Amino acid sequence: MLPEATVRSGTQQVEAGMIAQVGDRLVVKGKHVGDGNKVGVITRLRHEDGSPPYEVRWEDGHTGLIFPGPETHIVREGE
């Protein structure tokens, strides 16, 4: 079973299995009061169906592999 996440479509948010495309933004909510969100761009998929894990280039320029958790959602490219 794939991890659940919020996928934003315009102003609508729906719960769905986490499926991404290259170019989508991955947003990880801060875990503590005062923490900001961490935002990155998905640069490579490990699975053709768009399921995790994802290679992400973060705002600070570093890249990494992530298995998104429940505090993570996807913002589609162009939204």
N, C-alpha and C. Protein backbone atom coordinates (compact mmCIF):
# COMPACT_ATOMS: atom_id res chain seq x y z
N MET A 1 0.84 -1.18 0.00
CA MET A 1 0.00 0.00 0.00
C MET A 1 0.88 1.24 0.00
N LEU A 2 0.56 2.21 -0.83
CA LEU A 2 1.33 3.44 -0.93
C LEU A 2 0.99 4.37 0.22
N PRO A 3 1.96 5.21 0.64
CA PRO A 3 1.68 6.20 1.67
C PRO A 3 0.61 7.17 1.19
N GLU A 4 -0.20 7.63 2.10
CA GLU A 4 -1.23 8.61 1.75
C GLU A 4 -0.67 10.01 1.86
N ALA A 5 -1.14 10.90 1.03
CA ALA A 5 -0.67 12.28 1.05
C ALA A 5 -1.75 13.17 0.49
N THR A 6 -1.63 14.45 0.73
CA THR A 6 -2.56 15.41 0.17
C THR A 6 -2.02 15.88 -1.17
N VAL A 7 -2.84 15.77 -2.21
CA VAL A 7 -2.47 16.26 -3.52
C VAL A 7 -3.32 17.49 -3.79
N ARG A 8 -2.67 18.60 -4.06
CA ARG A 8 -3.40 19.85 -4.30
C ARG A 8 -3.65 20.01 -5.78
N SER A 9 -4.87 20.36 -6.09
CA SER A 9 -5.25 20.63 -7.47
C SER A 9 -5.96 21.97 -7.48
N GLY A 10 -5.26 23.03 -7.88
CA GLY A 10 -5.82 24.37 -7.80
C GLY A 10 -6.06 24.70 -6.34
N THR A 11 -7.32 25.03 -5.98
CA THR A 11 -7.64 25.32 -4.59
C THR A 11 -8.21 24.10 -3.88
N GLN A 12 -8.37 23.00 -4.60
CA GLN A 12 -8.94 21.79 -4.01
C GLN A 12 -7.84 20.86 -3.51
N GLN A 13 -8.06 20.25 -2.36
CA GLN A 13 -7.13 19.26 -1.83
C GLN A 13 -7.89 17.94 -1.70
N VAL A 14 -7.28 16.86 -2.15
CA VAL A 14 -7.91 15.55 -2.03
C VAL A 14 -6.87 14.57 -1.51
N GLU A 15 -7.33 13.57 -0.75
CA GLU A 15 -6.44 12.52 -0.28
C GLU A 15 -6.29 11.50 -1.40
N ALA A 16 -5.07 11.11 -1.67
CA ALA A 16 -4.82 10.13 -2.72
C ALA A 16 -3.50 9.45 -2.44
N GLY A 17 -3.26 8.30 -3.08
CA GLY A 17 -1.95 7.68 -2.99
C GLY A 17 -0.94 8.64 -3.57
N MET A 18 0.25 8.68 -3.01
CA MET A 18 1.24 9.64 -3.47
C MET A 18 1.82 9.21 -4.81
N ILE A 19 1.46 9.94 -5.82
CA ILE A 19 1.96 9.73 -7.18
C ILE A 19 2.48 11.07 -7.68
N ALA A 20 3.70 11.10 -8.19
CA ALA A 20 4.33 12.36 -8.60
C ALA A 20 4.86 12.25 -10.02
N GLN A 21 5.22 13.40 -10.56
CA GLN A 21 5.86 13.51 -11.85
C GLN A 21 7.10 14.38 -11.68
N VAL A 22 8.08 14.19 -12.54
CA VAL A 22 9.25 15.05 -12.53
C VAL A 22 8.77 16.49 -12.73
N GLY A 23 9.29 17.40 -11.92
CA GLY A 23 8.90 18.80 -11.98
C GLY A 23 7.90 19.21 -10.91
N ASP A 24 7.20 18.23 -10.30
CA ASP A 24 6.30 18.54 -9.20
C ASP A 24 7.11 19.02 -8.01
N ARG A 25 6.47 19.84 -7.18
CA ARG A 25 7.12 20.28 -5.94
C ARG A 25 6.67 19.38 -4.79
N LEU A 26 7.60 19.05 -3.94
CA LEU A 26 7.33 18.25 -2.75
C LEU A 26 7.46 19.19 -1.56
N VAL A 27 6.42 19.26 -0.74
CA VAL A 27 6.40 20.16 0.41
C VAL A 27 6.32 19.31 1.67
N VAL A 28 7.29 19.50 2.57
CA VAL A 28 7.32 18.80 3.86
C VAL A 28 7.03 19.83 4.94
N LYS A 29 5.94 19.62 5.68
CA LYS A 29 5.57 20.56 6.75
C LYS A 29 6.58 20.49 7.88
N GLY A 30 6.84 21.65 8.49
CA GLY A 30 7.71 21.70 9.66
C GLY A 30 7.12 20.86 10.79
N LYS A 31 7.97 20.24 11.58
CA LYS A 31 7.51 19.36 12.65
C LYS A 31 7.26 20.07 13.97
N HIS A 32 7.85 21.24 14.16
CA HIS A 32 7.74 21.96 15.42
C HIS A 32 7.19 23.36 15.17
N VAL A 33 6.60 23.95 16.20
CA VAL A 33 6.10 25.31 16.10
C VAL A 33 7.24 26.22 15.66
N GLY A 34 7.00 27.02 14.65
CA GLY A 34 8.02 27.94 14.16
C GLY A 34 8.86 27.39 13.03
N ASP A 35 8.82 26.07 12.81
CA ASP A 35 9.55 25.49 11.68
C ASP A 35 8.83 25.84 10.39
N GLY A 36 9.56 26.21 9.38
CA GLY A 36 8.97 26.47 8.08
C GLY A 36 8.83 25.17 7.30
N ASN A 37 8.16 25.26 6.17
CA ASN A 37 8.06 24.12 5.28
C ASN A 37 9.35 23.96 4.50
N LYS A 38 9.67 22.73 4.15
CA LYS A 38 10.82 22.43 3.31
C LYS A 38 10.26 22.10 1.93
N VAL A 39 10.75 22.79 0.89
CA VAL A 39 10.21 22.62 -0.45
C VAL A 39 11.32 22.20 -1.40
N GLY A 40 11.02 21.23 -2.24
CA GLY A 40 11.97 20.77 -3.24
C GLY A 40 11.25 20.41 -4.53
N VAL A 41 12.02 20.25 -5.59
CA VAL A 41 11.47 19.87 -6.90
C VAL A 41 11.88 18.43 -7.18
N ILE A 42 10.93 17.62 -7.57
CA ILE A 42 11.22 16.22 -7.90
C ILE A 42 11.98 16.21 -9.23
N THR A 43 13.18 15.64 -9.19
CA THR A 43 14.04 15.63 -10.37
C THR A 43 14.13 14.26 -11.04
N ARG A 44 13.77 13.22 -10.30
CA ARG A 44 13.83 11.88 -10.88
C ARG A 44 12.91 10.94 -10.12
N LEU A 45 12.24 10.08 -10.86
CA LEU A 45 11.39 9.05 -10.27
C LEU A 45 12.15 7.73 -10.28
N ARG A 46 11.97 6.94 -9.26
CA ARG A 46 12.58 5.61 -9.19
C ARG A 46 11.65 4.55 -9.77
N HIS A 47 10.34 4.87 -9.87
CA HIS A 47 9.35 3.93 -10.39
C HIS A 47 8.54 4.61 -11.49
N GLU A 48 8.28 3.89 -12.56
CA GLU A 48 7.54 4.46 -13.69
C GLU A 48 6.14 4.91 -13.32
N ASP A 49 5.54 4.30 -12.29
CA ASP A 49 4.18 4.67 -11.91
C ASP A 49 4.11 5.94 -11.06
N GLY A 50 5.27 6.55 -10.75
CA GLY A 50 5.30 7.80 -9.99
C GLY A 50 5.22 7.62 -8.49
N SER A 51 5.35 6.39 -8.01
CA SER A 51 5.31 6.14 -6.57
C SER A 51 6.69 6.40 -5.96
N PRO A 52 6.73 6.63 -4.65
CA PRO A 52 8.01 6.90 -3.96
C PRO A 52 8.95 5.71 -4.05
N PRO A 53 10.23 5.96 -3.83
CA PRO A 53 10.88 7.20 -3.39
C PRO A 53 11.14 8.14 -4.58
N TYR A 54 11.49 9.39 -4.24
CA TYR A 54 11.77 10.42 -5.24
C TYR A 54 13.14 11.03 -5.01
N GLU A 55 13.79 11.41 -6.09
CA GLU A 55 15.00 12.23 -5.97
C GLU A 55 14.53 13.68 -6.05
N VAL A 56 14.98 14.48 -5.09
CA VAL A 56 14.49 15.86 -4.94
C VAL A 56 15.66 16.82 -4.84
N ARG A 57 15.54 17.96 -5.51
CA ARG A 57 16.49 19.07 -5.35
C ARG A 57 15.80 20.09 -4.45
N TRP A 58 16.36 20.28 -3.26
CA TRP A 58 15.77 21.16 -2.26
C TRP A 58 16.12 22.62 -2.55
N GLU A 59 15.39 23.54 -1.91
CA GLU A 59 15.59 24.97 -2.13
C GLU A 59 17.01 25.43 -1.86
N ASP A 60 17.69 24.77 -0.94
CA ASP A 60 19.06 25.17 -0.61
C ASP A 60 20.09 24.61 -1.59
N GLY A 61 19.63 23.87 -2.60
CA GLY A 61 20.51 23.37 -3.65
C GLY A 61 20.97 21.94 -3.51
N HIS A 62 20.83 21.35 -2.31
CA HIS A 62 21.28 19.97 -2.19
C HIS A 62 20.21 19.02 -2.72
N THR A 63 20.62 17.82 -3.09
CA THR A 63 19.69 16.82 -3.61
C THR A 63 19.70 15.61 -2.69
N GLY A 64 18.62 14.86 -2.73
CA GLY A 64 18.54 13.67 -1.90
C GLY A 64 17.39 12.78 -2.31
N LEU A 65 17.39 11.60 -1.78
CA LEU A 65 16.34 10.62 -2.00
C LEU A 65 15.39 10.68 -0.81
N ILE A 66 14.08 10.71 -1.08
CA ILE A 66 13.11 10.82 0.01
C ILE A 66 12.00 9.79 -0.17
N PHE A 67 11.64 9.20 0.96
CA PHE A 67 10.45 8.37 1.08
C PHE A 67 9.46 9.23 1.86
N PRO A 68 8.53 9.93 1.20
CA PRO A 68 7.67 10.91 1.87
C PRO A 68 6.80 10.28 2.96
N GLY A 69 6.62 11.04 4.03
CA GLY A 69 5.76 10.63 5.13
C GLY A 69 4.44 11.38 5.10
N PRO A 70 3.63 11.22 6.15
CA PRO A 70 2.29 11.83 6.18
C PRO A 70 2.31 13.35 6.26
N GLU A 71 3.45 13.95 6.61
CA GLU A 71 3.55 15.42 6.68
C GLU A 71 3.93 16.03 5.34
N THR A 72 3.87 15.23 4.28
CA THR A 72 4.33 15.65 2.96
C THR A 72 3.17 15.70 1.97
N HIS A 73 3.17 16.70 1.10
CA HIS A 73 2.21 16.72 0.00
C HIS A 73 2.89 17.18 -1.29
N ILE A 74 2.23 16.92 -2.39
CA ILE A 74 2.75 17.25 -3.72
C ILE A 74 1.97 18.43 -4.28
N VAL A 75 2.69 19.35 -4.90
CA VAL A 75 2.05 20.44 -5.64
C VAL A 75 2.44 20.22 -7.10
N ARG A 76 1.45 20.00 -7.93
CA ARG A 76 1.70 19.71 -9.33
C ARG A 76 2.40 20.86 -10.04
N GLU A 77 3.25 20.52 -10.99
CA GLU A 77 3.96 21.53 -11.78
C GLU A 77 2.95 22.46 -12.43
N GLY A 78 3.18 23.76 -12.33
CA GLY A 78 2.30 24.75 -12.95
C GLY A 78 1.18 25.23 -12.06
N GLU A 79 1.07 24.71 -10.84
CA GLU A 79 0.00 25.17 -9.93
C GLU A 79 0.53 26.13 -8.92
